[in-house]
Amino acid sequence: MLNSIISYTSTTPLTLMDALVLFLVSIILGLMISLTYMRTSKNGKYVSTFAITLIVLPMIIAAIIMLIGSDIAKAFSLAGAFSIIRFRSAPGDPKDITFVLFALAAGLGAGVGIWWFALIFTVLMCLIMIVIHIFKFGSSNQNMHQLKITIPEDLDYAMVFNEVFSLFTKEHRLIQVKTIAMGSLYQLTYDITLLKERDIKTLIDEIRCRNSNLNIVLQPIETEF
């Protein structure tokens, strides 16, 4: 297999007109992907820089593929060059990662010259993402929140909030315990499902009576893709 890959040579050398056409197709694909990303963003809120990135990413990938061609040495050299790059941003929302992979696949299709396949793939994926967004597939209708409670270090957190949770939540789960303020306080993080939205203030008041009126943070968990 390795010998067949190394001995492979392109029979149709890339011309300037071919490159321009592929670049144009890549930009069109990136624009379609970016518009789909903006259309399916939660509550119409999206990161403008990420939307711009989705436009140019397929063109960049297509350019890389056209530069490499069938040259194995170029491929390994490019892999070595990219290995020294450090991306300092942490992985974001799974939906954002999906759109990055989406743009990469479209750019790869355009870069190898199968622009019709890349176009069909992009159109289908855009339609799928829009349908998922319209019908809110995978979204939860439960009233899910993340609750962070700060408590004194001498408080037994294992049982102290059980009575409150039994009155105000369908279910609760302790997911993290960490020390703060030089170890003098604990911060507990729970995933909870509330029984009623109107009980939030009462829930917080009940917790305040048990955690010495220290900091409490309650925020909804986004469940929509």
C-alpha atoms as a PDB file:
ATOM      1  CA  MET A   1       0.000   0.000   0.000  1.00  0.00           C
ATOM      2  CA  LEU A   2       2.794   2.418   0.940  1.00  0.00           C
ATOM      3  CA  ASN A   3       4.562   1.795  -2.372  1.00  0.00           C
ATOM      4  CA  SER A   4       1.390   2.507  -4.324  1.00  0.00           C
ATOM      5  CA  ILE A   5       0.880   5.771  -2.420  1.00  0.00           C
ATOM      6  CA  ILE A   6       4.460   6.949  -2.962  1.00  0.00           C
ATOM      7  CA  SER A   7       4.462   6.034  -6.638  1.00  0.00           C
ATOM      8  CA  TYR A   8       1.163   7.841  -7.264  1.00  0.00           C
ATOM      9  CA  THR A   9       1.421  10.896  -9.509  1.00  0.00           C
ATOM     10  CA  SER A  10      -1.287  13.284 -10.653  1.00  0.00           C
ATOM     11  CA  THR A  11      -2.210  12.979 -14.328  1.00  0.00           C
ATOM     12  CA  THR A  12      -3.872  16.373 -14.486  1.00  0.00           C
ATOM     13  CA  PRO A  13      -1.546  19.165 -13.301  1.00  0.00           C
ATOM     14  CA  LEU A  14      -3.276  22.024 -11.545  1.00  0.00           C
ATOM     15  CA  THR A  15      -3.678  25.160 -13.638  1.00  0.00           C
ATOM     16  CA  LEU A  16      -4.237  28.730 -12.498  1.00  0.00           C
ATOM     17  CA  MET A  17      -7.839  28.653 -13.718  1.00  0.00           C
ATOM     18  CA  ASP A  18      -8.487  25.393 -11.855  1.00  0.00           C
ATOM     19  CA  ALA A  19      -7.076  26.889  -8.654  1.00  0.00           C
ATOM     20  CA  LEU A  20      -9.226  30.004  -8.978  1.00  0.00           C
ATOM     21  CA  VAL A  21     -12.344  27.913  -9.533  1.00  0.00           C
ATOM     22  CA  LEU A  22     -11.593  25.749  -6.488  1.00  0.00           C
ATOM     23  CA  PHE A  23     -10.933  28.832  -4.366  1.00  0.00           C
ATOM     24  CA  LEU A  24     -14.242  30.323  -5.480  1.00  0.00           C
ATOM     25  CA  VAL A  25     -16.074  27.089  -4.687  1.00  0.00           C
ATOM     26  CA  SER A  26     -14.386  26.965  -1.262  1.00  0.00           C
ATOM     27  CA  ILE A  27     -15.464  30.509  -0.445  1.00  0.00           C
ATOM     28  CA  ILE A  28     -19.054  29.734  -1.484  1.00  0.00           C
ATOM     29  CA  LEU A  29     -19.057  26.607   0.682  1.00  0.00           C
ATOM     30  CA  GLY A  30     -17.598  28.525   3.616  1.00  0.00           C
ATOM     31  CA  LEU A  31     -20.224  31.233   3.229  1.00  0.00           C
ATOM     32  CA  MET A  32     -23.013  28.644   3.244  1.00  0.00           C
ATOM     33  CA  ILE A  33     -21.581  27.021   6.372  1.00  0.00           C
ATOM     34  CA  SER A  34     -21.152  30.369   8.126  1.00  0.00           C
ATOM     35  CA  LEU A  35     -24.726  31.463   7.322  1.00  0.00           C
ATOM     36  CA  THR A  36     -26.016  28.143   8.640  1.00  0.00           C
ATOM     37  CA  TYR A  37     -24.010  28.604  11.830  1.00  0.00           C
ATOM     38  CA  MET A  38     -25.493  32.076  12.355  1.00  0.00           C
ATOM     39  CA  ARG A  39     -29.002  30.880  11.491  1.00  0.00           C
ATOM     40  CA  THR A  40     -28.870  28.009  13.996  1.00  0.00           C
ATOM     41  CA  SER A  41     -27.182  29.882  16.855  1.00  0.00           C
ATOM     42  CA  LYS A  42     -28.915  29.843  20.225  1.00  0.00           C
ATOM     43  CA  ASN A  43     -31.208  32.862  20.588  1.00  0.00           C
ATOM     44  CA  GLY A  44     -29.547  34.444  17.552  1.00  0.00           C
ATOM     45  CA  LYS A  45     -26.294  34.972  19.496  1.00  0.00           C
ATOM     46  CA  TYR A  46     -23.062  33.945  17.821  1.00  0.00           C
ATOM     47  CA  VAL A  47     -19.374  34.850  17.782  1.00  0.00           C
ATOM     48  CA  SER A  48     -18.686  37.035  14.741  1.00  0.00           C
ATOM     49  CA  THR A  49     -15.018  36.034  14.550  1.00  0.00           C
ATOM     50  CA  PHE A  50     -15.993  32.363  14.452  1.00  0.00           C
ATOM     51  CA  ALA A  51     -18.498  33.065  11.658  1.00  0.00           C
ATOM     52  CA  ILE A  52     -15.718  34.738   9.638  1.00  0.00           C
ATOM     53  CA  THR A  53     -13.384  31.823  10.361  1.00  0.00           C
ATOM     54  CA  LEU A  54     -15.918  29.380   8.921  1.00  0.00           C
ATOM     55  CA  ILE A  55     -15.921  31.355   5.665  1.00  0.00           C
ATOM     56  CA  VAL A  56     -12.151  31.231   5.108  1.00  0.00           C
ATOM     57  CA  LEU A  57     -11.412  27.813   6.639  1.00  0.00           C
ATOM     58  CA  PRO A  58     -12.526  25.728   3.611  1.00  0.00           C
ATOM     59  CA  MET A  59     -10.375  27.898   1.333  1.00  0.00           C
ATOM     60  CA  ILE A  60      -7.345  27.430   3.583  1.00  0.00           C
ATOM     61  CA  ILE A  61      -7.804  23.658   3.666  1.00  0.00           C
ATOM     62  CA  ALA A  62      -8.303  23.554  -0.098  1.00  0.00           C
ATOM     63  CA  ALA A  63      -5.083  25.557  -0.590  1.00  0.00           C
ATOM     64  CA  ILE A  64      -3.164  23.162   1.661  1.00  0.00           C
ATOM     65  CA  ILE A  65      -4.459  20.138  -0.244  1.00  0.00           C
ATOM     66  CA  MET A  66      -3.573  21.731  -3.587  1.00  0.00           C
ATOM     67  CA  LEU A  67      -0.074  22.586  -2.343  1.00  0.00           C
ATOM     68  CA  ILE A  68       0.573  19.047  -1.158  1.00  0.00           C
ATOM     69  CA  GLY A  69      -0.912  17.301  -4.186  1.00  0.00           C
ATOM     70  CA  SER A  70       0.530  13.792  -4.347  1.00  0.00           C
ATOM     71  CA  ASP A  71       3.897  14.743  -2.835  1.00  0.00           C
ATOM     72  CA  ILE A  72       4.436  12.595   0.265  1.00  0.00           C
ATOM     73  CA  ALA A  73       7.465  14.641   1.314  1.00  0.00           C
ATOM     74  CA  LYS A  74       5.400  17.843   1.312  1.00  0.00           C
ATOM     75  CA  ALA A  75       2.726  16.145   3.373  1.00  0.00           C
ATOM     76  CA  PHE A  76       5.188  15.098   6.085  1.00  0.00           C
ATOM     77  CA  SER A  77       6.856  18.529   6.032  1.00  0.00           C
ATOM     78  CA  LEU A  78       3.488  20.221   6.447  1.00  0.00           C
ATOM     79  CA  ALA A  79       2.576  17.888   9.311  1.00  0.00           C
ATOM     80  CA  GLY A  80       5.829  18.815  11.034  1.00  0.00           C
ATOM     81  CA  ALA A  81       5.164  22.517  10.552  1.00  0.00           C
ATOM     82  CA  PHE A  82       1.673  22.291  12.009  1.00  0.00           C
ATOM     83  CA  SER A  83       2.913  20.215  14.962  1.00  0.00           C
ATOM     84  CA  ILE A  84       4.737  23.246  16.387  1.00  0.00           C
ATOM     85  CA  ILE A  85       1.563  25.381  16.413  1.00  0.00           C
ATOM     86  CA  ARG A  86      -0.094  25.722  19.805  1.00  0.00           C
ATOM     87  CA  PHE A  87      -3.735  26.685  19.909  1.00  0.00           C
ATOM     88  CA  ARG A  88      -4.291  28.448  23.214  1.00  0.00           C
ATOM     89  CA  SER A  89      -8.081  28.495  23.185  1.00  0.00           C
ATOM     90  CA  ALA A  90      -9.837  25.667  24.986  1.00  0.00           C
ATOM     91  CA  PRO A  91     -12.304  23.426  23.114  1.00  0.00           C
ATOM     92  CA  GLY A  92     -15.600  25.247  22.891  1.00  0.00           C
ATOM     93  CA  ASP A  93     -19.186  24.214  22.421  1.00  0.00           C
ATOM     94  CA  PRO A  94     -19.646  20.804  20.743  1.00  0.00           C
ATOM     95  CA  LYS A  95     -21.710  22.543  18.070  1.00  0.00           C
ATOM     96  CA  ASP A  96     -18.772  24.853  17.253  1.00  0.00           C
ATOM     97  CA  ILE A  97     -16.465  21.850  16.938  1.00  0.00           C
ATOM     98  CA  THR A  98     -19.015  20.219  14.620  1.00  0.00           C
ATOM     99  CA  PHE A  99     -19.000  23.275  12.354  1.00  0.00           C
ATOM    100  CA  VAL A 100     -15.178  23.309  12.301  1.00  0.00           C
ATOM    101  CA  LEU A 101     -15.135  19.669  11.155  1.00  0.00           C
ATOM    102  CA  PHE A 102     -17.890  20.531   8.679  1.00  0.00           C
ATOM    103  CA  ALA A 103     -15.758  23.312   7.160  1.00  0.00           C
ATOM    104  CA  LEU A 104     -12.683  21.048   7.086  1.00  0.00           C
ATOM    105  CA  ALA A 105     -14.565  18.343   5.189  1.00  0.00           C
ATOM    106  CA  ALA A 106     -15.898  20.872   2.672  1.00  0.00           C
ATOM    107  CA  GLY A 107     -12.397  22.285   2.158  1.00  0.00           C
ATOM    108  CA  LEU A 108     -10.938  18.815   1.660  1.00  0.00           C
ATOM    109  CA  GLY A 109     -13.553  17.998  -0.960  1.00  0.00           C
ATOM    110  CA  ALA A 110     -12.838  21.215  -2.854  1.00  0.00           C
ATOM    111  CA  GLY A 111      -9.065  20.801  -2.487  1.00  0.00           C
ATOM    112  CA  VAL A 112      -8.971  17.381  -4.134  1.00  0.00           C
ATOM    113  CA  GLY A 113     -11.028  18.722  -7.032  1.00  0.00           C
ATOM    114  CA  ILE A 114     -14.305  16.936  -6.256  1.00  0.00           C
ATOM    115  CA  TRP A 115     -16.171  20.216  -5.941  1.00  0.00           C
ATOM    116  CA  TRP A 116     -19.556  18.702  -6.840  1.00  0.00           C
ATOM    117  CA  PHE A 117     -19.247  16.252  -3.927  1.00  0.00           C
ATOM    118  CA  ALA A 118     -18.240  19.070  -1.559  1.00  0.00           C
ATOM    119  CA  LEU A 119     -21.214  21.145  -2.742  1.00  0.00           C
ATOM    120  CA  ILE A 120     -23.737  18.321  -2.282  1.00  0.00           C
ATOM    121  CA  PHE A 121     -22.264  17.459   1.116  1.00  0.00           C
ATOM    122  CA  THR A 122     -22.410  21.094   2.252  1.00  0.00           C
ATOM    123  CA  VAL A 123     -26.008  21.595   1.121  1.00  0.00           C
ATOM    124  CA  LEU A 124     -27.164  18.394   2.835  1.00  0.00           C
ATOM    125  CA  MET A 125     -25.335  19.197   6.069  1.00  0.00           C
ATOM    126  CA  CYS A 126     -26.714  22.747   6.121  1.00  0.00           C
ATOM    127  CA  LEU A 127     -30.244  21.420   5.672  1.00  0.00           C
ATOM    128  CA  ILE A 128     -29.727  18.861   8.435  1.00  0.00           C
ATOM    129  CA  MET A 129     -28.414  21.483  10.855  1.00  0.00           C
ATOM    130  CA  ILE A 130     -31.333  23.823  10.086  1.00  0.00           C
ATOM    131  CA  VAL A 131     -33.906  21.052  10.554  1.00  0.00           C
ATOM    132  CA  ILE A 132     -32.301  20.056  13.875  1.00  0.00           C
ATOM    133  CA  HIS A 133     -32.434  23.687  14.991  1.00  0.00           C
ATOM    134  CA  ILE A 134     -36.054  24.239  13.924  1.00  0.00           C
ATOM    135  CA  PHE A 135     -37.378  21.099  15.627  1.00  0.00           C
ATOM    136  CA  LYS A 136     -35.002  21.527  18.627  1.00  0.00           C
ATOM    137  CA  PHE A 137     -33.968  17.901  18.341  1.00  0.00           C
ATOM    138  CA  GLY A 138     -32.049  16.728  21.398  1.00  0.00           C
ATOM    139  CA  SER A 139     -33.092  19.661  23.581  1.00  0.00           C
ATOM    140  CA  SER A 140     -34.352  18.912  27.049  1.00  0.00           C
ATOM    141  CA  ASN A 141     -37.642  20.238  28.366  1.00  0.00           C
ATOM    142  CA  GLN A 142     -36.525  19.733  31.932  1.00  0.00           C
ATOM    143  CA  ASN A 143     -35.776  22.706  34.160  1.00  0.00           C
ATOM    144  CA  MET A 144     -32.083  21.905  34.574  1.00  0.00           C
ATOM    145  CA  HIS A 145     -29.700  24.213  36.455  1.00  0.00           C
ATOM    146  CA  GLN A 146     -26.205  24.175  37.838  1.00  0.00           C
ATOM    147  CA  LEU A 147     -26.011  25.180  41.494  1.00  0.00           C
ATOM    148  CA  LYS A 148     -22.820  26.335  43.229  1.00  0.00           C
ATOM    149  CA  ILE A 149     -22.928  26.665  47.008  1.00  0.00           C
ATOM    150  CA  THR A 150     -20.168  28.053  49.204  1.00  0.00           C
ATOM    151  CA  ILE A 151     -20.104  26.582  52.727  1.00  0.00           C
ATOM    152  CA  PRO A 152     -17.874  26.844  55.807  1.00  0.00           C
ATOM    153  CA  GLU A 153     -15.234  24.167  56.127  1.00  0.00           C
ATOM    154  CA  ASP A 154     -16.787  22.748  59.311  1.00  0.00           C
ATOM    155  CA  LEU A 155     -20.214  22.147  57.729  1.00  0.00           C
ATOM    156  CA  ASP A 156     -21.136  18.552  56.876  1.00  0.00           C
ATOM    157  CA  TYR A 157     -22.256  19.047  53.267  1.00  0.00           C
ATOM    158  CA  ALA A 158     -23.137  15.379  52.685  1.00  0.00           C
ATOM    159  CA  MET A 159     -26.552  15.635  54.325  1.00  0.00           C
ATOM    160  CA  VAL A 160     -27.241  19.282  55.112  1.00  0.00           C
ATOM    161  CA  PHE A 161     -29.023  20.146  51.834  1.00  0.00           C
ATOM    162  CA  ASN A 162     -30.897  16.865  51.294  1.00  0.00           C
ATOM    163  CA  GLU A 163     -34.119  18.175  52.834  1.00  0.00           C
ATOM    164  CA  VAL A 164     -34.061  21.286  50.640  1.00  0.00           C
ATOM    165  CA  PHE A 165     -33.397  19.289  47.490  1.00  0.00           C
ATOM    166  CA  SER A 166     -36.218  16.866  48.260  1.00  0.00           C
ATOM    167  CA  LEU A 167     -38.677  19.786  48.414  1.00  0.00           C
ATOM    168  CA  PHE A 168     -37.547  21.806  45.402  1.00  0.00           C
ATOM    169  CA  THR A 169     -35.938  19.422  42.886  1.00  0.00           C
ATOM    170  CA  LYS A 170     -36.863  16.365  40.885  1.00  0.00           C
ATOM    171  CA  GLU A 171     -33.285  15.166  41.086  1.00  0.00           C
ATOM    172  CA  HIS A 172     -29.893  16.455  42.134  1.00  0.00           C
ATOM    173  CA  ARG A 173     -26.326  15.277  41.702  1.00  0.00           C
ATOM    174  CA  LEU A 174     -23.145  16.484  43.369  1.00  0.00           C
ATOM    175  CA  ILE A 175     -20.536  16.795  40.599  1.00  0.00           C
ATOM    176  CA  GLN A 176     -17.691  18.724  42.238  1.00  0.00           C
ATOM    177  CA  VAL A 177     -16.280  19.678  45.625  1.00  0.00           C
ATOM    178  CA  LYS A 178     -13.369  22.096  45.878  1.00  0.00           C
ATOM    179  CA  THR A 179     -11.752  24.315  48.486  1.00  0.00           C
ATOM    180  CA  ILE A 180     -11.553  28.092  48.076  1.00  0.00           C
ATOM    181  CA  ALA A 181     -10.315  31.096  50.110  1.00  0.00           C
ATOM    182  CA  MET A 182      -7.077  29.369  51.154  1.00  0.00           C
ATOM    183  CA  GLY A 183      -8.943  26.235  52.199  1.00  0.00           C
ATOM    184  CA  SER A 184     -11.231  28.005  54.661  1.00  0.00           C
ATOM    185  CA  LEU A 185     -14.347  27.415  52.529  1.00  0.00           C
ATOM    186  CA  TYR A 186     -15.781  24.674  50.322  1.00  0.00           C
ATOM    187  CA  GLN A 187     -17.581  25.181  47.026  1.00  0.00           C
ATOM    188  CA  LEU A 188     -20.108  22.511  46.061  1.00  0.00           C
ATOM    189  CA  THR A 189     -21.358  22.167  42.482  1.00  0.00           C
ATOM    190  CA  TYR A 190     -24.639  20.366  41.810  1.00  0.00           C
ATOM    191  CA  ASP A 191     -26.647  19.556  38.706  1.00  0.00           C
ATOM    192  CA  ILE A 192     -30.293  19.921  39.681  1.00  0.00           C
ATOM    193  CA  THR A 193     -33.686  19.689  37.996  1.00  0.00           C
ATOM    194  CA  LEU A 194     -36.159  22.088  39.587  1.00  0.00           C
ATOM    195  CA  LEU A 195     -39.789  21.212  40.193  1.00  0.00           C
ATOM    196  CA  LYS A 196     -41.055  24.737  39.427  1.00  0.00           C
ATOM    197  CA  GLU A 197     -39.355  27.853  38.082  1.00  0.00           C
ATOM    198  CA  ARG A 198     -41.109  30.061  40.643  1.00  0.00           C
ATOM    199  CA  ASP A 199     -39.450  28.180  43.500  1.00  0.00           C
ATOM    200  CA  ILE A 200     -35.977  29.515  42.707  1.00  0.00           C
ATOM    201  CA  LYS A 201     -36.022  32.401  45.200  1.00  0.00           C
ATOM    202  CA  THR A 202     -37.413  30.196  47.956  1.00  0.00           C
ATOM    203  CA  LEU A 203     -34.816  27.551  47.182  1.00  0.00           C
ATOM    204  CA  ILE A 204     -31.991  30.086  47.471  1.00  0.00           C
ATOM    205  CA  ASP A 205     -33.419  31.432  50.749  1.00  0.00           C
ATOM    206  CA  GLU A 206     -33.554  27.934  52.222  1.00  0.00           C
ATOM    207  CA  ILE A 207     -29.946  27.264  51.204  1.00  0.00           C
ATOM    208  CA  ARG A 208     -28.823  30.607  52.678  1.00  0.00           C
ATOM    209  CA  CYS A 209     -30.207  29.542  56.041  1.00  0.00           C
ATOM    210  CA  ARG A 210     -27.925  26.497  55.974  1.00  0.00           C
ATOM    211  CA  ASN A 211     -24.695  27.830  54.432  1.00  0.00           C
ATOM    212  CA  SER A 212     -24.260  30.836  56.750  1.00  0.00           C
ATOM    213  CA  ASN A 213     -25.440  33.213  54.015  1.00  0.00           C
ATOM    214  CA  LEU A 214     -22.358  32.627  51.874  1.00  0.00           C
ATOM    215  CA  ASN A 215     -22.200  32.868  48.092  1.00  0.00           C
ATOM    216  CA  ILE A 216     -24.762  30.947  45.978  1.00  0.00           C
ATOM    217  CA  VAL A 217     -24.804  30.769  42.168  1.00  0.00           C
ATOM    218  CA  LEU A 218     -27.697  29.244  40.201  1.00  0.00           C
ATOM    219  CA  GLN A 219     -27.602  29.221  36.400  1.00  0.00           C
ATOM    220  CA  PRO A 220     -29.566  27.314  33.748  1.00  0.00           C
ATOM    221  CA  ILE A 221     -27.878  24.546  31.805  1.00  0.00           C
ATOM    222  CA  GLU A 222     -28.132  24.994  28.041  1.00  0.00           C
ATOM    223  CA  THR A 223     -29.364  21.720  26.554  1.00  0.00           C
ATOM    224  CA  GLU A 224     -30.137  22.793  22.985  1.00  0.00           C
ATOM    225  CA  PHE A 225     -27.646  21.759  20.273  1.00  0.00           C
END
